[in-house]
Amino acid sequence: MSESWRPDVLRELRRIVGAERVLTSPEDLYVFGYDGTPLLHHAPRAVVDITSAEQLPPLLQAANQLGFAVIPRGSGSGLSGGSVPVDDAVVVVLSRLNRILEIDEPNLTALVEPGVITQTLHEAVEARGLFYPPDPGSGKICSLGGNVAENSGGLRGLKYGVTKDYVLGLEVVLPSGEVTWSGNKCVKDAAGYDLKHLFVGSEGTLGIFTKILLKLIPRPPAKQTMVAYFDTMRHAAEAVSAIIAARVIPATLEFLDQTTMQCVEAYAQLGLNLSYGALLLIEVDGHAAVVADEAARVMEVCRAHQAREISQAADAAEAARMAAARRVAFTALARLRPTTILEDATVPRSAVPAMIDVIEECSRKYQLQIGTFGHAGDGNLHPTFLVDERDASELERVEQAFGDIFRGALALGGTITGEHGTGTVKMPFLKLQYNEPTIQTMRQLKEVLDPNRILNPGKVIEPGTRLQEPLLRDVAD
């Protein structure tokens, strides 16, 4: 794997981007065989580190002519294998396309390149009194192109929505190498098909983004952060449903179970009370009078639903400490056992208590340690399996448990993924959610836009191979 692979392809890649931007050494290739997904690795045949969007059209044209696959990659923080190569592929790294091209304050928009780090945009617009709400947990390292490709969510999804709700326009290089633009700064636009939202969440299978036009909103002038403790996860989940039923929509409504609380406290020493079984992290924002009223109502609802202890942040520093309990949850859990497998089954908000029961039953049935946290307010749960990948029996039980969890979510009117995407690891479960005509329509879209299947093959709806073996064992209906 390196210079011995397809000299014709390597020559063409070097002609397009320059020899110094084409990586072929085994050490370099090995690194780009991973994203954030556990138990998944396949090194590419080459890596192209592009420096200009103008290099993409000839690169994709060459892929069609010479017959090699192209895998778009940003920061590589994805959790469903979306940027892990399959078969004979060239990874195209977009990280150097990292400029904020415009912040248009009168029209409340930002035009960015795909390699801009999410937190970088947050800081840039907040310095002007503006706000970009989507905030995936990996916001310090993930890129906006990846956010759009996966339709990322985050902690503020309950009140403000997810990435798709803020995409106003996209410049996309199609698999053919042609460049398209859809959308604009208008608040209203009903001209033609809404192509931009076809590409949002397409996971790099239909096109490569080179410019992204995002909607901004005014920054909320005030906020209040609270933590409520409960004896059980069930009580916490019931409080979540009650808060929404009380017509309060917090900006953040997150939960941690006791396993996660213990790991977070050992890792970050935030002063969490570990005598309880679960906590809710709640943040309300808006004008000061509204914030005070909503905070009081939230605390009243929590007390009525068996909250044992409630605390409010006294200042911004304490609010940041409280929020850290949720933001470091995955990192803290990953320290407990050799392998951490994070999922994102999602259900309607009213079904959160029932979904908690499904997860806890899987833990008992398969004798697995699961730390559960997530976006309880929008029904997006993150059951996190703490296992040892060297134990084949344990991994087999994990696979069976995931099947039960996804089936449980679907039975409650939910989905197999709320924000991580289908990628490769969820692909076998997609047929549990959609019937064959629906999946066939998705395949036909892929066929029209990418007839040669050169762009991120083996993802979402297409079978692929990993080291010449099936990516995942097929899932029985």
Protein backbone atom coordinates (compact mmCIF):
# COMPACT_ATOMS: atom_id res chain seq x y z
CA MET A 1 0.00 0.00 0.00
CA SER A 2 1.71 3.24 -1.15
CA GLU A 3 3.76 3.69 -4.33
CA SER A 4 2.86 0.20 -5.56
CA TRP A 5 -0.83 1.10 -5.79
CA ARG A 6 -2.13 2.57 -9.06
CA PRO A 7 0.81 4.67 -10.28
CA ASP A 8 -1.55 6.28 -12.82
CA VAL A 9 -3.79 7.55 -10.01
CA LEU A 10 -0.88 8.83 -7.92
CA ARG A 11 0.56 10.70 -10.90
CA GLU A 12 -2.76 12.39 -11.57
CA LEU A 13 -3.27 13.33 -7.91
CA ARG A 14 0.19 14.91 -7.80
CA ARG A 15 -0.49 16.80 -10.99
CA ILE A 16 -3.69 18.28 -9.54
CA VAL A 17 -2.56 19.24 -6.02
CA GLY A 18 1.25 18.99 -6.04
CA ALA A 19 3.44 16.09 -4.98
CA GLU A 20 3.90 17.42 -1.44
CA ARG A 21 0.14 17.25 -0.85
CA VAL A 22 -0.23 13.55 -1.69
CA LEU A 23 0.58 11.25 1.23
CA THR A 24 1.41 7.60 0.58
CA SER A 25 3.61 6.42 3.44
CA PRO A 26 2.11 3.61 5.56
CA GLU A 27 2.43 5.75 8.70
CA ASP A 28 0.40 8.59 7.18
CA LEU A 29 -2.19 6.29 5.68
CA TYR A 30 -2.72 4.40 8.93
CA VAL A 31 -3.76 7.58 10.76
CA PHE A 32 -6.42 8.38 8.18
CA GLY A 33 -7.98 4.93 8.50
CA TYR A 34 -9.83 6.00 11.64
CA ASP A 35 -12.54 8.40 12.66
CA GLY A 36 -14.15 8.58 16.13
CA THR A 37 -15.92 5.23 15.67
CA PRO A 38 -14.57 2.37 17.78
CA LEU A 39 -13.63 -1.00 16.30
CA LEU A 40 -13.40 0.37 12.76
CA HIS A 41 -10.21 0.91 10.75
CA HIS A 42 -9.23 0.67 7.11
CA ALA A 43 -6.29 2.65 5.77
CA PRO A 44 -6.76 4.48 2.46
CA ARG A 45 -4.52 4.01 -0.57
CA ALA A 46 -3.53 7.69 -0.56
CA VAL A 47 -4.37 10.93 1.23
CA VAL A 48 -4.78 14.24 -0.60
CA ASP A 49 -4.40 17.38 1.52
CA ILE A 50 -6.08 19.98 -0.65
CA THR A 51 -5.40 23.69 -0.27
CA SER A 52 -8.05 25.10 -2.59
CA ALA A 53 -11.65 24.30 -3.50
CA GLU A 54 -10.63 24.65 -7.15
CA GLN A 55 -8.68 21.39 -6.82
CA LEU A 56 -11.83 19.36 -6.17
CA PRO A 57 -13.50 19.38 -9.63
CA PRO A 58 -10.47 17.95 -11.49
CA LEU A 59 -9.88 15.48 -8.67
CA LEU A 60 -13.42 14.12 -8.89
CA GLN A 61 -13.25 14.05 -12.68
CA ALA A 62 -10.09 11.97 -12.40
CA ALA A 63 -11.84 9.62 -9.97
CA ASN A 64 -14.55 8.98 -12.55
CA GLN A 65 -12.08 8.52 -15.39
CA LEU A 66 -9.61 6.30 -13.54
CA GLY A 67 -12.06 4.49 -11.28
CA PHE A 68 -11.03 5.19 -7.70
CA ALA A 69 -13.13 6.18 -4.70
CA VAL A 70 -12.92 9.53 -2.89
CA ILE A 71 -13.63 9.88 0.84
CA PRO A 72 -14.19 13.48 2.04
CA ARG A 73 -12.77 14.10 5.52
CA GLY A 74 -12.81 16.99 7.94
CA SER A 75 -11.67 16.58 11.54
CA GLY A 76 -12.45 12.86 11.64
CA SER A 77 -14.55 13.09 14.81
CA GLY A 78 -17.56 11.21 13.39
CA LEU A 79 -19.11 8.32 15.30
CA SER A 80 -20.65 6.15 12.58
CA GLY A 81 -17.67 5.40 10.33
CA GLY A 82 -18.60 8.02 7.74
CA SER A 83 -15.04 9.08 6.95
CA VAL A 84 -13.43 5.65 7.30
CA PRO A 85 -12.32 4.43 3.86
CA VAL A 86 -13.70 1.28 2.30
CA ASP A 87 -12.20 -0.64 -0.60
CA ASP A 88 -9.52 1.17 -2.67
CA ALA A 89 -10.04 4.78 -1.69
CA VAL A 90 -8.32 8.16 -1.61
CA VAL A 91 -9.07 10.34 1.42
CA VAL A 92 -9.46 14.04 0.58
CA VAL A 93 -8.78 16.22 3.62
CA LEU A 94 -10.71 19.51 3.70
CA SER A 95 -9.22 20.97 6.89
CA ARG A 96 -7.26 23.69 5.09
CA LEU A 97 -10.46 25.19 3.69
CA ASN A 98 -10.96 26.95 7.01
CA ARG A 99 -11.87 30.57 6.39
CA ILE A 100 -14.83 32.47 7.74
CA LEU A 101 -15.54 34.35 4.52
CA GLU A 102 -18.20 36.74 5.82
CA ILE A 103 -20.28 37.59 8.87
CA ASP A 104 -23.21 39.62 7.58
CA GLU A 105 -24.72 41.32 10.62
CA PRO A 106 -27.66 43.06 8.88
CA ASN A 107 -28.81 39.76 7.32
CA LEU A 108 -27.77 37.56 10.27
CA THR A 109 -25.71 35.13 8.18
CA ALA A 110 -22.20 33.69 8.08
CA LEU A 111 -20.48 32.32 4.98
CA VAL A 112 -17.82 29.75 5.85
CA GLU A 113 -15.62 27.11 4.31
CA PRO A 114 -16.12 23.50 5.45
CA GLY A 115 -12.93 23.24 7.50
CA VAL A 116 -13.89 25.98 9.98
CA ILE A 117 -13.99 24.51 13.50
CA THR A 118 -17.43 24.86 15.07
CA GLN A 119 -16.16 26.60 18.20
CA THR A 120 -14.21 29.06 16.06
CA LEU A 121 -17.47 30.21 14.47
CA HIS A 122 -19.17 30.35 17.88
CA GLU A 123 -16.47 32.66 19.21
CA ALA A 124 -16.42 34.85 16.11
CA VAL A 125 -20.15 35.53 16.03
CA GLU A 126 -20.60 35.82 19.80
CA ALA A 127 -17.96 38.56 19.82
CA ARG A 128 -20.47 40.53 17.71
CA GLY A 129 -23.46 39.77 19.93
CA LEU A 130 -24.72 37.05 17.58
CA PHE A 131 -25.37 33.36 18.10
CA TYR A 132 -24.95 30.14 16.12
CA PRO A 133 -26.94 27.62 18.21
CA PRO A 134 -25.85 24.13 16.97
CA ASP A 135 -23.24 22.86 19.43
CA PRO A 136 -22.19 19.23 19.00
CA GLY A 137 -20.29 17.76 21.93
CA SER A 138 -17.10 17.70 19.84
CA GLY A 139 -17.47 21.42 19.03
CA LYS A 140 -13.88 22.22 19.98
CA ILE A 141 -12.51 19.95 17.26
CA CYS A 142 -15.25 19.13 14.72
CA SER A 143 -15.63 21.09 11.49
CA LEU A 144 -18.71 22.77 10.08
CA GLY A 145 -18.51 20.73 6.88
CA GLY A 146 -18.75 17.57 8.95
CA ASN A 147 -21.61 19.07 10.97
CA VAL A 148 -23.57 19.68 7.78
CA ALA A 149 -22.69 16.27 6.33
CA GLU A 150 -23.96 14.51 9.47
CA ASN A 151 -26.72 17.01 10.36
CA SER A 152 -25.16 17.34 13.80
CA GLY A 153 -27.22 18.21 16.84
CA GLY A 154 -25.87 19.08 20.27
CA LEU A 155 -26.88 20.28 23.69
CA ARG A 156 -29.07 23.16 22.48
CA GLY A 157 -31.10 21.11 20.02
CA LEU A 158 -34.26 21.09 22.17
CA LYS A 159 -34.93 24.82 21.85
CA TYR A 160 -32.93 25.81 18.80
CA GLY A 161 -32.93 22.79 16.51
CA VAL A 162 -30.05 21.11 14.70
CA THR A 163 -27.64 21.97 11.89
CA LYS A 164 -30.19 21.60 9.06
CA ASP A 165 -32.26 24.39 10.63
CA TYR A 166 -29.39 26.86 10.09
CA VAL A 167 -28.21 26.00 6.58
CA LEU A 168 -29.34 28.71 4.14
CA GLY A 169 -27.11 27.81 1.22
CA LEU A 170 -24.47 25.38 0.00
CA GLU A 171 -21.82 25.37 -2.70
CA VAL A 172 -21.37 21.70 -3.57
CA VAL A 173 -18.98 19.91 -5.90
CA LEU A 174 -20.96 17.02 -7.35
CA PRO A 175 -19.39 13.58 -7.94
CA SER A 176 -19.11 14.56 -11.62
CA GLY A 177 -16.89 17.52 -10.70
CA GLU A 178 -19.57 20.08 -11.54
CA VAL A 179 -20.10 22.90 -9.03
CA THR A 180 -23.60 23.80 -7.84
CA TRP A 181 -25.02 26.46 -5.53
CA SER A 182 -28.40 26.29 -3.81
CA GLY A 183 -29.94 28.78 -1.40
CA ASN A 184 -29.34 32.43 -0.50
CA LYS A 185 -29.70 34.99 2.29
CA CYS A 186 -33.43 35.45 1.77
CA VAL A 187 -35.72 34.58 4.66
CA LYS A 188 -38.17 33.18 2.10
CA ASP A 189 -37.24 31.24 -1.05
CA ALA A 190 -39.59 28.85 -2.85
CA ALA A 191 -37.76 28.65 -6.18
CA GLY A 192 -37.28 25.11 -7.47
CA TYR A 193 -36.38 22.06 -5.41
CA ASP A 194 -34.72 22.65 -2.04
CA LEU A 195 -31.45 20.99 -3.02
CA LYS A 196 -29.45 22.26 -0.08
CA HIS A 197 -31.43 20.10 2.31
CA LEU A 198 -30.90 17.07 0.10
CA PHE A 199 -27.17 17.45 0.78
CA VAL A 200 -27.50 18.19 4.51
CA GLY A 201 -27.07 14.85 6.27
CA SER A 202 -25.91 13.07 3.10
CA GLU A 203 -22.68 12.00 4.86
CA GLY A 204 -20.35 12.80 1.97
CA THR A 205 -22.09 10.43 -0.43
CA LEU A 206 -23.73 12.96 -2.78
CA GLY A 207 -21.31 15.88 -2.96
CA ILE A 208 -18.50 17.79 -1.25
CA PHE A 209 -19.28 21.16 0.37
CA THR A 210 -16.95 24.05 -0.39
CA LYS A 211 -19.00 26.99 0.95
CA ILE A 212 -21.73 26.96 3.61
CA LEU A 213 -24.14 29.83 4.25
CA LEU A 214 -25.44 29.68 7.83
CA LYS A 215 -28.23 31.47 9.65
CA LEU A 216 -27.39 33.38 12.84
CA ILE A 217 -29.66 34.77 15.54
CA PRO A 218 -29.20 37.45 18.22
CA ARG A 219 -27.33 36.19 21.25
CA PRO A 220 -29.70 35.64 24.22
CA PRO A 221 -29.03 38.38 26.78
CA ALA A 222 -29.43 36.19 29.88
CA LYS A 223 -29.36 32.57 30.97
CA GLN A 224 -29.68 30.47 34.13
CA THR A 225 -28.09 27.06 34.65
CA MET A 226 -29.43 24.51 37.13
CA VAL A 227 -28.68 20.96 38.24
CA ALA A 228 -31.39 18.69 39.69
CA TYR A 229 -30.65 15.31 41.32
CA PHE A 230 -33.00 12.32 41.36
CA ASP A 231 -32.90 8.90 42.98
CA THR A 232 -33.46 7.06 39.69
CA MET A 233 -33.13 7.59 35.96
CA ARG A 234 -36.84 6.92 35.63
CA HIS A 235 -37.66 9.84 37.93
CA ALA A 236 -35.33 12.13 35.99
CA ALA A 237 -36.88 11.07 32.67
CA GLU A 238 -40.39 11.70 33.99
CA ALA A 239 -39.32 15.18 35.09
CA VAL A 240 -38.09 15.86 31.55
CA SER A 241 -41.50 15.02 30.11
CA ALA A 242 -43.18 17.15 32.76
CA ILE A 243 -41.00 20.19 32.01
CA ILE A 244 -41.95 20.06 28.33
CA ALA A 245 -45.61 19.49 29.23
CA ALA A 246 -45.44 22.63 31.38
CA ARG A 247 -44.72 24.58 28.17
CA VAL A 248 -41.15 25.43 29.11
CA ILE A 249 -38.56 24.78 26.41
CA PRO A 250 -35.10 25.03 27.98
CA ALA A 251 -32.09 25.76 25.82
CA THR A 252 -30.44 22.71 27.38
CA LEU A 253 -32.05 19.74 29.10
CA GLU A 254 -29.45 17.00 29.56
CA PHE A 255 -29.15 14.00 31.83
CA LEU A 256 -26.48 11.72 33.30
CA ASP A 257 -27.02 8.39 35.02
CA GLN A 258 -25.06 7.38 38.10
CA THR A 259 -22.37 5.46 36.20
CA THR A 260 -21.68 8.55 34.11
CA MET A 261 -21.80 10.85 37.16
CA GLN A 262 -19.21 8.73 38.95
CA CYS A 263 -16.88 8.74 35.95
CA VAL A 264 -17.28 12.48 35.43
CA GLU A 265 -16.53 13.23 39.06
CA ALA A 266 -13.45 10.99 39.08
CA TYR A 267 -12.23 12.66 35.89
CA ALA A 268 -13.09 16.34 36.42
CA GLN A 269 -13.77 16.69 40.17
CA LEU A 270 -16.72 19.01 39.71
CA GLY A 271 -18.30 18.39 43.10
CA LEU A 272 -21.21 16.25 41.90
CA ASN A 273 -23.34 14.59 44.56
CA LEU A 274 -22.85 10.89 43.88
CA SER A 275 -25.41 9.73 46.42
CA TYR A 276 -28.15 10.08 43.79
CA GLY A 277 -28.96 7.94 40.76
CA ALA A 278 -29.24 10.61 38.08
CA LEU A 279 -29.00 14.32 37.40
CA LEU A 280 -30.53 16.79 34.97
CA LEU A 281 -28.52 19.73 33.65
CA ILE A 282 -30.96 22.47 32.68
CA GLU A 283 -30.32 25.86 31.09
CA VAL A 284 -32.93 28.46 30.21
CA ASP A 285 -32.06 31.56 28.22
CA GLY A 286 -33.66 34.70 26.79
CA HIS A 287 -34.56 38.05 28.32
CA ALA A 288 -33.84 38.31 32.03
CA ALA A 289 -37.47 38.39 33.20
CA VAL A 290 -38.35 35.37 31.06
CA VAL A 291 -35.30 33.48 32.31
CA ALA A 292 -36.20 34.12 35.95
CA ASP A 293 -39.79 32.96 35.39
CA GLU A 294 -38.83 29.83 33.44
CA ALA A 295 -36.12 28.86 35.93
CA ALA A 296 -38.64 29.08 38.77
CA ARG A 297 -41.15 26.93 36.84
CA VAL A 298 -38.51 24.33 35.98
CA MET A 299 -37.48 23.98 39.61
CA GLU A 300 -41.13 23.71 40.67
CA VAL A 301 -41.73 20.90 38.16
CA CYS A 302 -38.57 19.06 39.24
CA ARG A 303 -39.59 19.20 42.90
CA ALA A 304 -43.04 17.89 42.00
CA HIS A 305 -41.38 14.94 40.25
CA GLN A 306 -39.18 13.78 43.11
CA ALA A 307 -36.08 15.90 42.62
CA ARG A 308 -34.05 15.41 45.79
CA GLU A 309 -31.75 18.39 45.40
CA ILE A 310 -31.66 21.42 43.05
CA SER A 311 -28.92 24.01 42.70
CA GLN A 312 -28.60 27.15 40.58
CA ALA A 313 -25.40 28.61 39.19
CA ALA A 314 -24.48 31.80 41.03
CA ASP A 315 -22.35 33.15 38.19
CA ALA A 316 -20.91 32.31 34.76
CA ALA A 317 -18.01 30.34 36.24
CA GLU A 318 -20.32 28.07 38.20
CA ALA A 319 -22.57 27.66 35.15
CA ALA A 320 -19.56 26.56 33.10
CA ARG A 321 -18.63 24.05 35.82
CA MET A 322 -22.14 22.62 35.82
CA ALA A 323 -22.19 22.38 32.02
CA ALA A 324 -18.83 20.63 32.08
CA ALA A 325 -20.46 17.66 33.80
CA ARG A 326 -22.29 16.91 30.57
CA ARG A 327 -19.64 18.00 28.09
CA VAL A 328 -16.94 15.69 29.48
CA ALA A 329 -19.26 12.70 29.91
CA PHE A 330 -17.97 10.67 26.97
CA THR A 331 -14.32 11.40 27.78
CA ALA A 332 -14.87 10.42 31.42
CA LEU A 333 -16.62 7.15 30.54
CA ALA A 334 -13.85 6.23 28.12
CA ARG A 335 -11.42 5.94 31.03
CA LEU A 336 -13.33 3.14 32.74
CA ARG A 337 -12.73 0.21 30.35
CA PRO A 338 -10.57 -0.41 27.27
CA THR A 339 -13.36 0.11 24.71
CA THR A 340 -16.17 2.66 24.73
CA ILE A 341 -19.00 2.31 22.21
CA LEU A 342 -21.34 5.31 22.09
CA GLU A 343 -24.75 5.23 20.40
CA ASP A 344 -27.56 7.71 19.81
CA ALA A 345 -30.97 6.05 19.65
CA THR A 346 -33.65 8.73 19.68
CA VAL A 347 -37.35 8.72 20.59
CA PRO A 348 -40.14 11.30 20.89
CA ARG A 349 -39.66 13.32 24.07
CA SER A 350 -42.67 11.76 25.78
CA ALA A 351 -41.13 8.30 25.28
CA VAL A 352 -37.86 9.04 27.12
CA PRO A 353 -38.91 7.20 30.33
CA ALA A 354 -39.85 4.10 28.34
CA MET A 355 -36.59 4.24 26.39
CA ILE A 356 -34.64 4.42 29.64
CA ASP A 357 -36.39 1.19 30.65
CA VAL A 358 -35.32 -0.45 27.36
CA ILE A 359 -31.67 0.47 27.94
CA GLU A 360 -31.66 -0.70 31.55
CA GLU A 361 -33.27 -4.01 30.54
CA CYS A 362 -30.52 -4.51 27.90
CA SER A 363 -27.89 -3.94 30.56
CA ARG A 364 -29.45 -6.64 32.76
CA LYS A 365 -30.28 -9.08 29.94
CA TYR A 366 -26.83 -9.06 28.35
CA GLN A 367 -24.80 -8.42 31.53
CA LEU A 368 -23.21 -5.29 30.12
CA GLN A 369 -22.07 -2.10 31.78
CA ILE A 370 -23.81 0.87 30.19
CA GLY A 371 -23.39 4.52 31.08
CA THR A 372 -26.30 6.56 29.74
CA PHE A 373 -26.36 10.29 29.16
CA GLY A 374 -27.69 12.56 26.47
CA HIS A 375 -30.10 15.16 25.26
CA ALA A 376 -33.13 14.13 27.26
CA GLY A 377 -35.11 17.18 26.22
CA ASP A 378 -35.16 16.17 22.55
CA GLY A 379 -35.25 12.41 23.17
CA ASN A 380 -31.70 11.80 21.94
CA LEU A 381 -30.14 9.23 24.29
CA HIS A 382 -26.52 8.10 24.33
CA PRO A 383 -26.28 4.60 25.82
CA THR A 384 -22.51 4.06 26.11
CA PHE A 385 -21.24 0.50 26.36
CA LEU A 386 -18.11 0.04 28.46
CA VAL A 387 -16.44 -3.14 27.24
CA ASP A 388 -13.17 -4.81 26.31
CA GLU A 389 -12.80 -5.39 22.57
CA ARG A 390 -10.48 -8.34 23.29
CA ASP A 391 -13.45 -10.22 24.73
CA ALA A 392 -15.29 -11.68 21.71
CA SER A 393 -18.18 -12.91 23.83
CA GLU A 394 -18.73 -9.45 25.29
CA LEU A 395 -18.72 -7.84 21.84
CA GLU A 396 -21.27 -10.36 20.61
CA ARG A 397 -23.56 -9.40 23.51
CA VAL A 398 -23.06 -5.72 22.67
CA GLU A 399 -24.17 -6.33 19.10
CA GLN A 400 -27.28 -8.13 20.32
CA ALA A 401 -28.01 -5.34 22.80
CA PHE A 402 -27.77 -2.69 20.09
CA GLY A 403 -30.30 -4.60 18.05
CA ASP A 404 -32.68 -4.57 21.01
CA ILE A 405 -32.08 -0.87 21.65
CA PHE A 406 -32.74 0.15 18.05
CA ARG A 407 -35.83 -2.03 17.86
CA GLY A 408 -37.02 -0.54 21.14
CA ALA A 409 -36.51 2.99 19.86
CA LEU A 410 -38.38 2.24 16.63
CA ALA A 411 -41.26 0.63 18.54
CA LEU A 412 -41.59 3.88 20.50
CA GLY A 413 -41.78 5.93 17.30
CA GLY A 414 -38.07 6.79 17.27
CA THR A 415 -35.05 6.46 15.01
CA ILE A 416 -31.82 4.49 14.94
CA THR A 417 -29.77 7.70 14.92
CA GLY A 418 -30.58 11.23 16.03
CA GLU A 419 -27.32 12.97 15.19
CA HIS A 420 -24.44 10.56 14.51
CA GLY A 421 -25.59 9.46 11.07
CA THR A 422 -25.86 6.06 9.43
CA GLY A 423 -22.32 5.72 8.05
CA THR A 424 -21.24 2.11 7.95
CA VAL A 425 -22.07 0.92 11.45
CA LYS A 426 -25.81 1.79 11.31
CA MET A 427 -26.29 0.67 7.71
CA PRO A 428 -27.54 -2.86 8.56
CA PHE A 429 -30.19 -1.37 10.86
CA LEU A 430 -31.59 1.08 8.30
CA LYS A 431 -34.00 -1.53 6.93
CA LEU A 432 -35.56 -1.81 10.38
CA GLN A 433 -36.62 1.83 10.11
CA TYR A 434 -37.56 2.13 6.42
CA ASN A 435 -39.34 -0.16 3.99
CA GLU A 436 -37.72 -1.29 0.74
CA PRO A 437 -39.39 1.31 -1.53
CA THR A 438 -38.05 4.07 0.73
CA ILE A 439 -34.52 2.69 0.71
CA GLN A 440 -34.74 2.11 -3.04
CA THR A 441 -35.61 5.78 -3.54
CA MET A 442 -32.44 6.69 -1.63
CA ARG A 443 -30.43 4.34 -3.84
CA GLN A 444 -31.90 5.94 -6.96
CA LEU A 445 -30.84 9.39 -5.78
CA LYS A 446 -27.31 8.10 -5.28
CA GLU A 447 -27.36 6.48 -8.72
CA VAL A 448 -28.44 9.71 -10.44
CA LEU A 449 -25.83 11.91 -8.77
CA ASP A 450 -23.00 9.37 -8.55
CA PRO A 451 -23.47 6.67 -11.20
CA ASN A 452 -19.86 5.50 -10.92
CA ARG A 453 -20.08 5.32 -7.10
CA ILE A 454 -16.84 7.18 -6.60
CA LEU A 455 -17.93 9.38 -3.67
CA ASN A 456 -17.80 7.78 -0.20
CA PRO A 457 -19.01 4.35 -1.34
CA GLY A 458 -20.16 1.71 1.12
CA LYS A 459 -21.94 4.22 3.35
CA VAL A 460 -25.56 4.82 4.39
CA ILE A 461 -27.34 2.64 1.82
CA GLU A 462 -24.59 0.81 -0.09
CA PRO A 463 -22.83 -2.39 0.91
CA GLY A 464 -19.08 -2.05 1.32
CA THR A 465 -16.16 -4.12 2.52
CA ARG A 466 -13.66 -3.68 5.30
CA LEU A 467 -10.43 -5.62 4.82
CA GLN A 468 -12.31 -7.86 2.34
CA GLU A 469 -14.90 -8.83 4.95
CA PRO A 470 -18.53 -7.64 5.36
CA LEU A 471 -18.66 -4.44 7.35
CA LEU A 472 -21.23 -5.77 9.78
CA ARG A 473 -23.22 -8.93 10.12
CA ASP A 474 -26.63 -8.52 8.51
CA VAL A 475 -29.49 -7.77 10.87
CA ALA A 476 -32.49 -10.06 10.79
CA ASP A 477 -35.87 -8.40 10.41
